[in-house]
PDB file of N, CA and C in Angstrom:
ATOM      1  N   UNK A   1     174.764  66.064  41.443  1.00  0.00           N
ATOM      2  CA  UNK A   1     175.415  64.493  41.496  1.00  0.00           C
ATOM      3  C   UNK A   1     175.576  63.515  40.126  1.00  0.00           C
ATOM      4  N   UNK A   2     175.972  62.890  39.809  1.00  0.00           N
ATOM      5  CA  UNK A   2     176.876  62.491  39.252  1.00  0.00           C
ATOM      6  C   UNK A   2     176.392  60.735  39.270  1.00  0.00           C
ATOM      7  N   UNK A   3     176.098  60.369  38.215  1.00  0.00           N
ATOM      8  CA  UNK A   3     175.275  59.326  38.163  1.00  0.00           C
ATOM      9  C   UNK A   3     176.312  57.992  38.271  1.00  0.00           C
ATOM     10  N   UNK A   4     175.509  57.133  38.988  1.00  0.00           N
ATOM     11  CA  UNK A   4     177.138  55.702  39.628  1.00  0.00           C
ATOM     12  C   UNK A   4     176.839  54.586  37.771  1.00  0.00           C
ATOM     13  N   UNK A   5     177.593  54.266  37.253  1.00  0.00           N
ATOM     14  CA  UNK A   5     177.648  53.212  36.572  1.00  0.00           C
ATOM     15  C   UNK A   5     177.422  52.150  37.133  1.00  0.00           C
ATOM     16  N   UNK A   6     176.820  50.854  36.013  1.00  0.00           N
ATOM     17  CA  UNK A   6     176.334  49.663  36.568  1.00  0.00           C
ATOM     18  C   UNK A   6     177.503  49.034  36.313  1.00  0.00           C
ATOM     19  N   UNK A   7     178.451  48.412  38.045  1.00  0.00           N
ATOM     20  CA  UNK A   7     179.010  47.185  37.769  1.00  0.00           C
ATOM     21  C   UNK A   7     179.112  45.897  36.845  1.00  0.00           C
ATOM     22  N   UNK A   8     179.658  45.752  35.812  1.00  0.00           N
ATOM     23  CA  UNK A   8     179.545  44.746  35.008  1.00  0.00           C
ATOM     24  C   UNK A   8     180.190  43.597  35.521  1.00  0.00           C
ATOM     25  N   UNK A   9     179.787  42.414  35.758  1.00  0.00           N
ATOM     26  CA  UNK A   9     180.853  41.156  36.217  1.00  0.00           C
ATOM     27  C   UNK A   9     180.469  40.033  35.056  1.00  0.00           C
ATOM     28  N   UNK A  10     181.590  39.083  34.567  1.00  0.00           N
ATOM     29  CA  UNK A  10     181.671  38.397  33.439  1.00  0.00           C
ATOM     30  C   UNK A  10     181.106  37.018  33.905  1.00  0.00           C
ATOM     31  N   UNK A  11     180.235  36.305  32.951  1.00  0.00           N
ATOM     32  CA  UNK A  11     179.591  34.867  33.830  1.00  0.00           C
ATOM     33  C   UNK A  11     181.150  34.033  34.305  1.00  0.00           C
ATOM     34  N   UNK A  12     182.070  34.694  33.815  1.00  0.00           N
ATOM     35  CA  UNK A  12     182.590  33.400  34.580  1.00  0.00           C
ATOM     36  C   UNK A  12     183.190  33.908  35.916  1.00  0.00           C
ATOM     37  N   UNK A  13     183.343  34.887  36.309  1.00  0.00           N
ATOM     38  CA  UNK A  13     183.308  35.201  38.112  1.00  0.00           C
ATOM     39  C   UNK A  13     182.040  35.154  38.387  1.00  0.00           C
ATOM     40  N   UNK A  14     181.161  35.336  37.703  1.00  0.00           N
ATOM     41  CA  UNK A  14     179.476  35.745  38.786  1.00  0.00           C
ATOM     42  C   UNK A  14     179.288  33.843  38.979  1.00  0.00           C
ATOM     43  N   UNK A  15     180.451  32.523  38.520  1.00  0.00           N
ATOM     44  CA  UNK A  15     179.980  31.157  38.560  1.00  0.00           C
ATOM     45  C   UNK A  15     180.838  31.328  39.451  1.00  0.00           C
ATOM     46  N   UNK A  16     182.102  31.885  39.366  1.00  0.00           N
ATOM     47  CA  UNK A  16     182.672  31.252  40.592  1.00  0.00           C
ATOM     48  C   UNK A  16     181.928  31.819  42.367  1.00  0.00           C
ATOM     49  N   UNK A  17     181.048  32.996  42.350  1.00  0.00           N
ATOM     50  CA  UNK A  17     180.690  33.363  43.084  1.00  0.00           C
ATOM     51  C   UNK A  17     179.566  33.025  43.869  1.00  0.00           C
ATOM     52  N   UNK A  18     178.991  32.493  42.623  1.00  0.00           N
ATOM     53  CA  UNK A  18     177.737  31.333  43.285  1.00  0.00           C
ATOM     54  C   UNK A  18     178.342  29.867  43.599  1.00  0.00           C
ATOM     55  N   UNK A  19     178.895  29.850  42.999  1.00  0.00           N
ATOM     56  CA  UNK A  19     179.332  28.749  43.553  1.00  0.00           C
ATOM     57  C   UNK A  19     180.219  28.825  44.694  1.00  0.00           C
ATOM     58  N   UNK A  20     181.059  29.588  45.349  1.00  0.00           N
ATOM     59  CA  UNK A  20     180.976  30.094  46.810  1.00  0.00           C
ATOM     60  C   UNK A  20     180.090  30.035  47.555  1.00  0.00           C
ATOM     61  N   UNK A  21     178.546  31.001  47.116  1.00  0.00           N
ATOM     62  CA  UNK A  21     177.799  31.214  47.978  1.00  0.00           C
ATOM     63  C   UNK A  21     177.140  29.768  48.209  1.00  0.00           C
ATOM     64  N   UNK A  22     177.184  28.656  47.389  1.00  0.00           N
ATOM     65  CA  UNK A  22     176.408  27.139  46.989  1.00  0.00           C
ATOM     66  C   UNK A  22     177.548  26.261  48.259  1.00  0.00           C
ATOM     67  N   UNK A  23     178.639  26.613  48.575  1.00  0.00           N
ATOM     68  CA  UNK A  23     179.483  26.162  48.728  1.00  0.00           C
ATOM     69  C   UNK A  23     179.413  26.415  50.581  1.00  0.00           C
ATOM     70  N   UNK A  24     178.480  27.826  50.820  1.00  0.00           N
ATOM     71  CA  UNK A  24     178.801  28.249  52.323  1.00  0.00           C
ATOM     72  C   UNK A  24     177.579  27.801  52.464  1.00  0.00           C
ATOM     73  N   UNK A  25     176.715  27.410  51.914  1.00  0.00           N
ATOM     74  CA  UNK A  25     174.889  26.576  51.902  1.00  0.00           C
ATOM     75  C   UNK A  25     175.498  25.665  52.899  1.00  0.00           C
ATOM     76  N   UNK A  26     176.024  24.498  51.870  1.00  0.00           N
ATOM     77  CA  UNK A  26     176.323  23.156  52.500  1.00  0.00           C
ATOM     78  C   UNK A  26     176.664  22.871  53.470  1.00  0.00           C
ATOM     79  N   UNK A  27     178.297  23.659  53.412  1.00  0.00           N
ATOM     80  CA  UNK A  27     178.342  23.897  55.104  1.00  0.00           C
ATOM     81  C   UNK A  27     177.796  24.795  56.468  1.00  0.00           C
ATOM     82  N   UNK A  28     177.026  25.350  56.485  1.00  0.00           N
ATOM     83  CA  UNK A  28     175.771  25.271  56.937  1.00  0.00           C
ATOM     84  C   UNK A  28     174.734  24.668  57.446  1.00  0.00           C
ATOM     85  N   UNK A  29     174.500  23.638  56.139  1.00  0.00           N
ATOM     86  CA  UNK A  29     174.063  22.921  56.418  1.00  0.00           C
ATOM     87  C   UNK A  29     174.128  21.515  57.059  1.00  0.00           C
ATOM     88  N   UNK A  30     175.451  21.458  56.531  1.00  0.00           N
ATOM     89  CA  UNK A  30     176.079  20.157  57.377  1.00  0.00           C
ATOM     90  C   UNK A  30     176.187  20.897  59.022  1.00  0.00           C
ATOM     91  N   UNK A  31     176.584  21.987  59.591  1.00  0.00           N
ATOM     92  CA  UNK A  31     176.492  22.648  60.900  1.00  0.00           C
ATOM     93  C   UNK A  31     174.882  21.996  61.213  1.00  0.00           C
ATOM     94  N   UNK A  32     173.953  22.258  60.824  1.00  0.00           N
ATOM     95  CA  UNK A  32     172.588  22.185  61.631  1.00  0.00           C
ATOM     96  C   UNK A  32     172.850  20.287  61.305  1.00  0.00           C
ATOM     97  N   UNK A  33     172.685  19.840  61.132  1.00  0.00           N
ATOM     98  CA  UNK A  33     172.621  18.409  61.568  1.00  0.00           C
ATOM     99  C   UNK A  33     173.382  17.739  62.294  1.00  0.00           C
ATOM    100  N   UNK A  34     174.100  18.767  63.611  1.00  0.00           N
ATOM    101  CA  UNK A  34     174.088  18.432  64.469  1.00  0.00           C
ATOM    102  C   UNK A  34     174.124  19.575  65.287  1.00  0.00           C
ATOM    103  N   UNK A  35     173.468  20.972  64.968  1.00  0.00           N
ATOM    104  CA  UNK A  35     172.896  21.767  65.945  1.00  0.00           C
ATOM    105  C   UNK A  35     171.605  21.771  65.294  1.00  0.00           C
ATOM    106  N   UNK A  36     170.847  22.186  66.347  1.00  0.00           N
ATOM    107  CA  UNK A  36     169.171  22.581  66.131  1.00  0.00           C
ATOM    108  C   UNK A  36     168.978  22.820  64.613  1.00  0.00           C
ATOM    109  N   UNK A  37     168.469  22.394  63.428  1.00  0.00           N
ATOM    110  CA  UNK A  37     168.042  23.721  62.813  1.00  0.00           C
ATOM    111  C   UNK A  37     167.897  22.596  61.319  1.00  0.00           C
ATOM    112  N   UNK A  38     167.462  23.602  60.041  1.00  0.00           N
ATOM    113  CA  UNK A  38     166.745  22.459  59.313  1.00  0.00           C
ATOM    114  C   UNK A  38     168.155  22.020  58.393  1.00  0.00           C
ATOM    115  N   UNK A  39     168.879  21.254  58.326  1.00  0.00           N
ATOM    116  CA  UNK A  39     170.141  20.820  57.642  1.00  0.00           C
ATOM    117  C   UNK A  39     169.640  20.600  56.425  1.00  0.00           C
ATOM    118  N   UNK A  40     168.747  19.358  56.384  1.00  0.00           N
ATOM    119  CA  UNK A  40     168.565  18.501  55.080  1.00  0.00           C
ATOM    120  C   UNK A  40     168.214  19.870  54.164  1.00  0.00           C
ATOM    121  N   UNK A  41     167.385  21.146  54.349  1.00  0.00           N
ATOM    122  CA  UNK A  41     167.392  21.790  52.818  1.00  0.00           C
ATOM    123  C   UNK A  41     168.205  22.581  52.710  1.00  0.00           C
ATOM    124  N   UNK A  42     168.915  22.994  53.870  1.00  0.00           N
ATOM    125  CA  UNK A  42     170.637  23.980  53.300  1.00  0.00           C
ATOM    126  C   UNK A  42     170.689  22.816  52.990  1.00  0.00           C
ATOM    127  N   UNK A  43     171.362  22.122  52.848  1.00  0.00           N
ATOM    128  CA  UNK A  43     172.212  21.324  52.189  1.00  0.00           C
ATOM    129  C   UNK A  43     171.989  20.815  50.486  1.00  0.00           C
ATOM    130  N   UNK A  44     170.334  20.449  50.741  1.00  0.00           N
ATOM    131  CA  UNK A  44     170.367  20.620  49.333  1.00  0.00           C
ATOM    132  C   UNK A  44     170.330  21.955  48.792  1.00  0.00           C
ATOM    133  N   UNK A  45     169.709  23.348  48.888  1.00  0.00           N
ATOM    134  CA  UNK A  45     169.332  24.406  48.260  1.00  0.00           C
ATOM    135  C   UNK A  45     170.946  24.356  47.932  1.00  0.00           C
ATOM    136  N   UNK A  46     172.439  24.626  48.702  1.00  0.00           N
ATOM    137  CA  UNK A  46     173.913  24.659  48.661  1.00  0.00           C
ATOM    138  C   UNK A  46     174.221  23.957  47.236  1.00  0.00           C
ATOM    139  N   UNK A  47     173.786  22.634  47.897  1.00  0.00           N
ATOM    140  CA  UNK A  47     173.764  21.638  46.841  1.00  0.00           C
ATOM    141  C   UNK A  47     173.391  22.684  45.127  1.00  0.00           C
ATOM    142  N   UNK A  48     171.971  22.691  44.862  1.00  0.00           N
ATOM    143  CA  UNK A  48     171.657  23.206  43.919  1.00  0.00           C
ATOM    144  C   UNK A  48     172.689  24.562  43.421  1.00  0.00           C
ATOM    145  N   UNK A  49     172.762  25.497  44.123  1.00  0.00           N
ATOM    146  CA  UNK A  49     173.321  26.697  43.500  1.00  0.00           C
ATOM    147  C   UNK A  49     175.020  26.293  43.669  1.00  0.00           C
ATOM    148  N   UNK A  50     175.652  25.655  44.315  1.00  0.00           N
ATOM    149  CA  UNK A  50     176.809  25.777  44.289  1.00  0.00           C
ATOM    150  C   UNK A  50     176.859  24.370  42.069  1.00  0.00           C
ATOM    151  N   UNK A  51     175.994  23.833  41.927  1.00  0.00           N
ATOM    152  CA  UNK A  51     175.727  23.424  40.607  1.00  0.00           C
ATOM    153  C   UNK A  51     175.639  24.503  39.717  1.00  0.00           C
ATOM    154  N   UNK A  52     174.466  24.727  39.880  1.00  0.00           N
ATOM    155  CA  UNK A  52     174.319  25.891  38.982  1.00  0.00           C
ATOM    156  C   UNK A  52     175.769  26.923  38.333  1.00  0.00           C
ATOM    157  N   UNK A  53     176.332  27.378  39.796  1.00  0.00           N
ATOM    158  CA  UNK A  53     177.545  28.348  39.567  1.00  0.00           C
ATOM    159  C   UNK A  53     178.387  27.607  38.907  1.00  0.00           C
ATOM    160  N   UNK A  54     178.317  26.712  39.467  1.00  0.00           N
ATOM    161  CA  UNK A  54     179.719  25.513  38.512  1.00  0.00           C
ATOM    162  C   UNK A  54     179.497  25.258  37.243  1.00  0.00           C
ATOM    163  N   UNK A  55     177.900  25.346  36.682  1.00  0.00           N
ATOM    164  CA  UNK A  55     177.830  25.152  35.332  1.00  0.00           C
ATOM    165  C   UNK A  55     178.431  26.972  34.758  1.00  0.00           C
ATOM    166  N   UNK A  56     177.366  27.871  35.072  1.00  0.00           N
ATOM    167  CA  UNK A  56     177.618  28.577  34.612  1.00  0.00           C
ATOM    168  C   UNK A  56     179.038  29.356  34.510  1.00  0.00           C
ATOM    169  N   UNK A  57     180.456  28.995  35.294  1.00  0.00           N
ATOM    170  CA  UNK A  57     181.776  29.051  35.153  1.00  0.00           C
ATOM    171  C   UNK A  57     182.014  28.222  34.230  1.00  0.00           C
ATOM    172  N   UNK A  58     181.637  27.072  34.206  1.00  0.00           N
ATOM    173  CA  UNK A  58     182.486  26.108  32.950  1.00  0.00           C
ATOM    174  C   UNK A  58     182.070  26.201  31.764  1.00  0.00           C
ATOM    175  N   UNK A  59     180.713  26.931  31.153  1.00  0.00           N
ATOM    176  CA  UNK A  59     180.514  26.786  30.441  1.00  0.00           C
ATOM    177  C   UNK A  59     180.851  28.051  29.576  1.00  0.00           C
ATOM    178  N   UNK A  60     181.251  29.264  30.863  1.00  0.00           N
ATOM    179  CA  UNK A  60     181.600  30.912  30.120  1.00  0.00           C
ATOM    180  C   UNK A  60     183.078  30.272  29.906  1.00  0.00           C
ATOM    181  N   UNK A  61     183.777  29.915  30.542  1.00  0.00           N
ATOM    182  CA  UNK A  61     184.810  29.033  30.458  1.00  0.00           C
ATOM    183  C   UNK A  61     185.437  28.469  28.935  1.00  0.00           C
ATOM    184  N   UNK A  62     184.379  27.325  28.709  1.00  0.00           N
ATOM    185  CA  UNK A  62     184.201  26.360  27.064  1.00  0.00           C
ATOM    186  C   UNK A  62     184.676  27.417  25.706  1.00  0.00           C
ATOM    187  N   UNK A  63     183.292  28.329  26.807  1.00  0.00           N
ATOM    188  CA  UNK A  63     183.026  29.692  24.747  1.00  0.00           C
ATOM    189  C   UNK A  63     184.337  30.458  25.047  1.00  0.00           C
ATOM    190  N   UNK A  64     184.380  30.354  26.486  1.00  0.00           N
ATOM    191  CA  UNK A  64     185.936  32.037  25.766  1.00  0.00           C
ATOM    192  C   UNK A  64     187.303  31.421  25.208  1.00  0.00           C
ATOM    193  N   UNK A  65     187.325  29.772  25.444  1.00  0.00           N
ATOM    194  CA  UNK A  65     188.871  29.474  24.873  1.00  0.00           C
ATOM    195  C   UNK A  65     187.979  28.933  23.049  1.00  0.00           C
TER     196      UNK A  65
END
């Protein structure tokens, strides 16, 4: 059996992925406002994740240029 190497992801790409996850959580939270469920916690969590991902993405873009 061969060992699998760890897949490395650049901080810029990781920032984009985290931002997209945050946007998905925001959309789920918005849907839960009209559907039964905890809408506000999902909106706040999605906003926090999206901002963290955007910060990671923009700081890597600034460092590489």
